[in-house]
């Protein structure tokens, strides 16, 4: 009986060795390359930095210069109603800037001015969109375009330093 078990074990071992040798000779199919395209990244910008850069930019200065020119013209024409509207615009702009900086007001007026650059960056960097970083999904791939937008707004060294200081103090929302 013991001999029978030894022979059976040897036969089974031989079969598994033979099967292994056959498997080694068999050709394995080549791995297929699967093209998986990653979702395009979302461009993000720091809200506080962009608000600060916008209201210190030549673009904003040009908007104000146009309003001042119009205000002088309507005052010369004795159009007091329109003059009051334009003066009100100045006060409301200051209030809106503070609310935008603190994250309490939308950035519609700033985004309207930035629109050409946002489109250009989206195309050049192949981004899905560009959004305020405080509203982006942290799990999505993203590219910070804050410095590029600040370049476009011609932010000075002083403006950039102010933006950095705001972050250090954690004043505006990030």
C-alpha atoms as a PDB file:
ATOM      1  CA  UNK A   1       0.000   0.000   0.000  1.00  0.00           C
ATOM      2  CA  UNK A   2       2.843   2.299   0.854  1.00  0.00           C
ATOM      3  CA  UNK A   3       4.392   1.563  -2.543  1.00  0.00           C
ATOM      4  CA  UNK A   4       1.131   2.421  -4.244  1.00  0.00           C
ATOM      5  CA  UNK A   5       0.931   5.814  -2.541  1.00  0.00           C
ATOM      6  CA  UNK A   6       4.554   6.599  -3.455  1.00  0.00           C
ATOM      7  CA  UNK A   7       3.922   5.662  -7.104  1.00  0.00           C
ATOM      8  CA  UNK A   8       0.732   7.748  -7.215  1.00  0.00           C
ATOM      9  CA  UNK A   9       2.577  10.718  -5.734  1.00  0.00           C
ATOM     10  CA  UNK A  10       5.391  10.358  -8.291  1.00  0.00           C
ATOM     11  CA  UNK A  11       2.938  10.055 -11.170  1.00  0.00           C
ATOM     12  CA  UNK A  12       1.037  13.153 -10.044  1.00  0.00           C
ATOM     13  CA  UNK A  13       4.262  15.089  -9.557  1.00  0.00           C
ATOM     14  CA  UNK A  14       5.370  14.097 -13.050  1.00  0.00           C
ATOM     15  CA  UNK A  15       2.080  15.269 -14.506  1.00  0.00           C
ATOM     16  CA  UNK A  16       2.351  18.675 -12.847  1.00  0.00           C
ATOM     17  CA  UNK A  17       5.957  19.034 -14.057  1.00  0.00           C
ATOM     18  CA  UNK A  18       4.919  18.138 -17.583  1.00  0.00           C
ATOM     19  CA  UNK A  19       2.015  20.587 -17.438  1.00  0.00           C
ATOM     20  CA  UNK A  20       4.397  23.316 -16.242  1.00  0.00           C
ATOM     21  CA  UNK A  21       6.754  22.644 -19.115  1.00  0.00           C
ATOM     22  CA  UNK A  22       3.893  22.807 -21.619  1.00  0.00           C
ATOM     23  CA  UNK A  23       2.669  26.065 -20.097  1.00  0.00           C
ATOM     24  CA  UNK A  24       6.131  27.577 -20.379  1.00  0.00           C
ATOM     25  CA  UNK A  25       6.186  26.785 -24.093  1.00  0.00           C
ATOM     26  CA  UNK A  26       2.748  28.322 -24.662  1.00  0.00           C
ATOM     27  CA  UNK A  27       2.721  31.837 -26.092  1.00  0.00           C
ATOM     28  CA  UNK A  28       1.267  34.555 -23.938  1.00  0.00           C
ATOM     29  CA  UNK A  29      -0.813  37.135 -25.811  1.00  0.00           C
ATOM     30  CA  UNK A  30       0.812  40.580 -26.025  1.00  0.00           C
ATOM     31  CA  UNK A  31      -0.519  43.229 -23.689  1.00  0.00           C
ATOM     32  CA  UNK A  32      -2.864  45.661 -25.370  1.00  0.00           C
ATOM     33  CA  UNK A  33      -2.302  49.364 -24.985  1.00  0.00           C
ATOM     34  CA  UNK A  34      -5.420  51.119 -23.801  1.00  0.00           C
ATOM     35  CA  UNK A  35      -5.603  54.822 -24.482  1.00  0.00           C
ATOM     36  CA  UNK A  36      -7.220  56.426 -21.471  1.00  0.00           C
ATOM     37  CA  UNK A  37      -7.466  60.161 -21.717  1.00  0.00           C
ATOM     38  CA  UNK A  38      -7.284  61.952 -18.431  1.00  0.00           C
ATOM     39  CA  UNK A  39      -9.958  64.515 -17.803  1.00  0.00           C
ATOM     40  CA  UNK A  40      -8.646  67.982 -18.595  1.00  0.00           C
ATOM     41  CA  UNK A  41      -7.490  69.883 -15.572  1.00  0.00           C
ATOM     42  CA  UNK A  42      -9.424  72.816 -14.205  1.00  0.00           C
ATOM     43  CA  UNK A  43      -7.595  76.122 -13.945  1.00  0.00           C
ATOM     44  CA  UNK A  44      -7.962  77.799 -10.578  1.00  0.00           C
ATOM     45  CA  UNK A  45      -7.176  81.245  -9.263  1.00  0.00           C
ATOM     46  CA  UNK A  46      -6.918  82.703  -5.799  1.00  0.00           C
ATOM     47  CA  UNK A  47      -9.856  85.036  -5.302  1.00  0.00           C
ATOM     48  CA  UNK A  48      -8.157  87.494  -2.933  1.00  0.00           C
ATOM     49  CA  UNK A  49      -5.096  87.864  -5.130  1.00  0.00           C
ATOM     50  CA  UNK A  50      -7.159  88.516  -8.252  1.00  0.00           C
ATOM     51  CA  UNK A  51      -9.504  90.998  -6.540  1.00  0.00           C
ATOM     52  CA  UNK A  52      -6.533  92.899  -5.186  1.00  0.00           C
ATOM     53  CA  UNK A  53      -4.688  92.811  -8.523  1.00  0.00           C
ATOM     54  CA  UNK A  54      -7.777  93.915 -10.463  1.00  0.00           C
ATOM     55  CA  UNK A  55      -8.528  96.978  -8.339  1.00  0.00           C
ATOM     56  CA  UNK A  56      -4.874  98.029  -8.556  1.00  0.00           C
ATOM     57  CA  UNK A  57      -4.606  97.351 -12.308  1.00  0.00           C
ATOM     58  CA  UNK A  58      -4.343  99.631 -15.341  1.00  0.00           C
ATOM     59  CA  UNK A  59      -7.572  98.014 -16.579  1.00  0.00           C
ATOM     60  CA  UNK A  60      -9.493  99.263 -13.530  1.00  0.00           C
ATOM     61  CA  UNK A  61      -7.774 102.638 -13.762  1.00  0.00           C
ATOM     62  CA  UNK A  62      -9.006 102.943 -17.377  1.00  0.00           C
ATOM     63  CA  UNK A  63     -12.575 102.151 -16.282  1.00  0.00           C
ATOM     64  CA  UNK A  64     -12.366 104.831 -13.596  1.00  0.00           C
ATOM     65  CA  UNK A  65     -10.847 107.340 -16.029  1.00  0.00           C
ATOM     66  CA  UNK A  66     -13.785 106.785 -18.406  1.00  0.00           C
ATOM     67  CA  UNK A  67     -16.238 107.353 -15.542  1.00  0.00           C
ATOM     68  CA  UNK A  68     -14.400 110.511 -14.410  1.00  0.00           C
ATOM     69  CA  UNK A  69     -14.437 111.853 -17.975  1.00  0.00           C
ATOM     70  CA  UNK A  70     -18.162 111.166 -18.236  1.00  0.00           C
ATOM     71  CA  UNK A  71     -18.766 112.734 -14.801  1.00  0.00           C
ATOM     72  CA  UNK A  72     -16.965 115.929 -15.839  1.00  0.00           C
ATOM     73  CA  UNK A  73     -18.956 116.027 -19.091  1.00  0.00           C
ATOM     74  CA  UNK A  74     -22.348 115.608 -17.394  1.00  0.00           C
ATOM     75  CA  UNK A  75     -21.476 118.185 -14.748  1.00  0.00           C
ATOM     76  CA  UNK A  76     -20.549 120.643 -17.499  1.00  0.00           C
ATOM     77  CA  UNK A  77     -23.898 119.886 -19.150  1.00  0.00           C
ATOM     78  CA  UNK A  78     -25.714 120.398 -15.836  1.00  0.00           C
ATOM     79  CA  UNK A  79     -27.045 116.805 -15.894  1.00  0.00           C
ATOM     80  CA  UNK A  80     -27.269 116.460 -12.123  1.00  0.00           C
ATOM     81  CA  UNK A  81     -29.195 113.182 -12.209  1.00  0.00           C
ATOM     82  CA  UNK A  82     -26.504 111.426 -14.247  1.00  0.00           C
ATOM     83  CA  UNK A  83     -23.774 113.063 -12.162  1.00  0.00           C
ATOM     84  CA  UNK A  84     -25.353 111.594  -9.004  1.00  0.00           C
ATOM     85  CA  UNK A  85     -25.449 108.136 -10.653  1.00  0.00           C
ATOM     86  CA  UNK A  86     -21.773 108.349 -11.543  1.00  0.00           C
ATOM     87  CA  UNK A  87     -20.786 109.530  -8.065  1.00  0.00           C
ATOM     88  CA  UNK A  88     -22.835 106.697  -6.593  1.00  0.00           C
ATOM     89  CA  UNK A  89     -20.968 104.268  -8.879  1.00  0.00           C
ATOM     90  CA  UNK A  90     -17.668 105.243  -7.245  1.00  0.00           C
ATOM     91  CA  UNK A  91     -18.924 104.645  -3.710  1.00  0.00           C
ATOM     92  CA  UNK A  92     -20.619 101.376  -4.695  1.00  0.00           C
ATOM     93  CA  UNK A  93     -17.434 100.192  -6.419  1.00  0.00           C
ATOM     94  CA  UNK A  94     -15.425 100.619  -3.244  1.00  0.00           C
ATOM     95  CA  UNK A  95     -18.005  98.695  -1.234  1.00  0.00           C
ATOM     96  CA  UNK A  96     -18.197  95.929  -3.860  1.00  0.00           C
ATOM     97  CA  UNK A  97     -14.393  95.602  -3.894  1.00  0.00           C
ATOM     98  CA  UNK A  98     -14.326  95.020  -0.138  1.00  0.00           C
ATOM     99  CA  UNK A  99     -17.182  92.504  -0.338  1.00  0.00           C
ATOM    100  CA  UNK A 100     -15.439  90.682  -3.198  1.00  0.00           C
ATOM    101  CA  UNK A 101     -12.198  90.568  -1.256  1.00  0.00           C
ATOM    102  CA  UNK A 102     -13.974  88.995   1.701  1.00  0.00           C
ATOM    103  CA  UNK A 103     -15.812  86.491  -0.520  1.00  0.00           C
ATOM    104  CA  UNK A 104     -19.243  88.022   0.024  1.00  0.00           C
ATOM    105  CA  UNK A 105     -19.884  89.328  -3.496  1.00  0.00           C
ATOM    106  CA  UNK A 106     -19.592  87.734  -6.941  1.00  0.00           C
ATOM    107  CA  UNK A 107     -16.682  88.596  -9.222  1.00  0.00           C
ATOM    108  CA  UNK A 108     -18.850  89.328 -12.271  1.00  0.00           C
ATOM    109  CA  UNK A 109     -17.287  92.695 -13.114  1.00  0.00           C
ATOM    110  CA  UNK A 110     -13.749  91.327 -12.715  1.00  0.00           C
ATOM    111  CA  UNK A 111     -14.462  88.169 -14.729  1.00  0.00           C
ATOM    112  CA  UNK A 112     -15.957  90.290 -17.519  1.00  0.00           C
ATOM    113  CA  UNK A 113     -12.672  92.203 -17.830  1.00  0.00           C
ATOM    114  CA  UNK A 114     -10.617  88.993 -17.539  1.00  0.00           C
ATOM    115  CA  UNK A 115     -12.685  87.166 -20.165  1.00  0.00           C
ATOM    116  CA  UNK A 116     -10.205  87.479 -23.060  1.00  0.00           C
ATOM    117  CA  UNK A 117      -7.345  86.181 -20.912  1.00  0.00           C
ATOM    118  CA  UNK A 118      -9.456  83.401 -19.388  1.00  0.00           C
ATOM    119  CA  UNK A 119     -10.319  82.173 -22.896  1.00  0.00           C
ATOM    120  CA  UNK A 120      -6.701  82.383 -24.026  1.00  0.00           C
ATOM    121  CA  UNK A 121      -5.388  80.488 -20.975  1.00  0.00           C
ATOM    122  CA  UNK A 122      -8.092  77.825 -21.271  1.00  0.00           C
ATOM    123  CA  UNK A 123      -7.058  77.174 -24.862  1.00  0.00           C
ATOM    124  CA  UNK A 124      -3.296  77.448 -24.402  1.00  0.00           C
ATOM    125  CA  UNK A 125      -3.171  75.265 -21.281  1.00  0.00           C
ATOM    126  CA  UNK A 126      -5.919  72.897 -22.529  1.00  0.00           C
ATOM    127  CA  UNK A 127      -8.043  73.448 -19.424  1.00  0.00           C
ATOM    128  CA  UNK A 128     -11.657  72.432 -18.973  1.00  0.00           C
ATOM    129  CA  UNK A 129     -12.414  75.804 -17.366  1.00  0.00           C
ATOM    130  CA  UNK A 130     -10.986  78.372 -14.969  1.00  0.00           C
ATOM    131  CA  UNK A 131     -12.676  78.907 -11.612  1.00  0.00           C
ATOM    132  CA  UNK A 132     -12.170  80.515  -8.236  1.00  0.00           C
ATOM    133  CA  UNK A 133     -10.090  78.011  -6.229  1.00  0.00           C
ATOM    134  CA  UNK A 134     -12.506  78.253  -3.290  1.00  0.00           C
ATOM    135  CA  UNK A 135     -15.223  76.730  -5.485  1.00  0.00           C
ATOM    136  CA  UNK A 136     -13.158  73.995  -7.163  1.00  0.00           C
ATOM    137  CA  UNK A 137     -13.305  70.311  -6.225  1.00  0.00           C
ATOM    138  CA  UNK A 138     -10.042  69.444  -4.440  1.00  0.00           C
ATOM    139  CA  UNK A 139     -10.204  65.925  -5.924  1.00  0.00           C
ATOM    140  CA  UNK A 140     -10.147  67.193  -9.512  1.00  0.00           C
ATOM    141  CA  UNK A 141      -6.834  67.791 -11.257  1.00  0.00           C
ATOM    142  CA  UNK A 142      -6.120  71.508 -11.249  1.00  0.00           C
ATOM    143  CA  UNK A 143      -3.611  74.084 -12.434  1.00  0.00           C
ATOM    144  CA  UNK A 144      -3.150  77.332 -10.521  1.00  0.00           C
ATOM    145  CA  UNK A 145      -3.272  80.224 -13.000  1.00  0.00           C
ATOM    146  CA  UNK A 146      -3.271  83.022 -10.419  1.00  0.00           C
ATOM    147  CA  UNK A 147       0.185  84.312 -11.326  1.00  0.00           C
ATOM    148  CA  UNK A 148      -0.651  84.286 -15.045  1.00  0.00           C
ATOM    149  CA  UNK A 149      -3.799  86.344 -14.419  1.00  0.00           C
ATOM    150  CA  UNK A 150      -1.835  88.707 -12.182  1.00  0.00           C
ATOM    151  CA  UNK A 151       0.699  89.090 -15.005  1.00  0.00           C
ATOM    152  CA  UNK A 152      -2.122  89.994 -17.395  1.00  0.00           C
ATOM    153  CA  UNK A 153      -3.441  92.530 -14.873  1.00  0.00           C
ATOM    154  CA  UNK A 154       0.111  93.925 -14.684  1.00  0.00           C
ATOM    155  CA  UNK A 155       0.276  93.379 -10.917  1.00  0.00           C
ATOM    156  CA  UNK A 156       3.247  95.152  -9.401  1.00  0.00           C
ATOM    157  CA  UNK A 157       5.668  93.660  -6.925  1.00  0.00           C
ATOM    158  CA  UNK A 158       3.869  95.651  -4.216  1.00  0.00           C
ATOM    159  CA  UNK A 159       0.479  94.199  -5.219  1.00  0.00           C
ATOM    160  CA  UNK A 160       1.886  90.665  -5.203  1.00  0.00           C
ATOM    161  CA  UNK A 161       3.417  91.253  -1.782  1.00  0.00           C
ATOM    162  CA  UNK A 162       0.084  92.549  -0.468  1.00  0.00           C
ATOM    163  CA  UNK A 163      -1.613  89.391  -1.779  1.00  0.00           C
ATOM    164  CA  UNK A 164       1.004  87.226  -0.051  1.00  0.00           C
ATOM    165  CA  UNK A 165       0.554  89.166   3.179  1.00  0.00           C
ATOM    166  CA  UNK A 166      -3.228  88.697   3.022  1.00  0.00           C
ATOM    167  CA  UNK A 167      -2.686  84.943   2.825  1.00  0.00           C
ATOM    168  CA  UNK A 168      -0.282  85.008   5.746  1.00  0.00           C
ATOM    169  CA  UNK A 169      -2.960  86.702   7.845  1.00  0.00           C
ATOM    170  CA  UNK A 170      -5.692  84.429   6.449  1.00  0.00           C
ATOM    171  CA  UNK A 171      -7.953  87.426   5.845  1.00  0.00           C
ATOM    172  CA  UNK A 172      -9.849  86.628   2.647  1.00  0.00           C
ATOM    173  CA  UNK A 173     -11.221  83.150   1.952  1.00  0.00           C
ATOM    174  CA  UNK A 174      -8.868  80.906   0.025  1.00  0.00           C
END
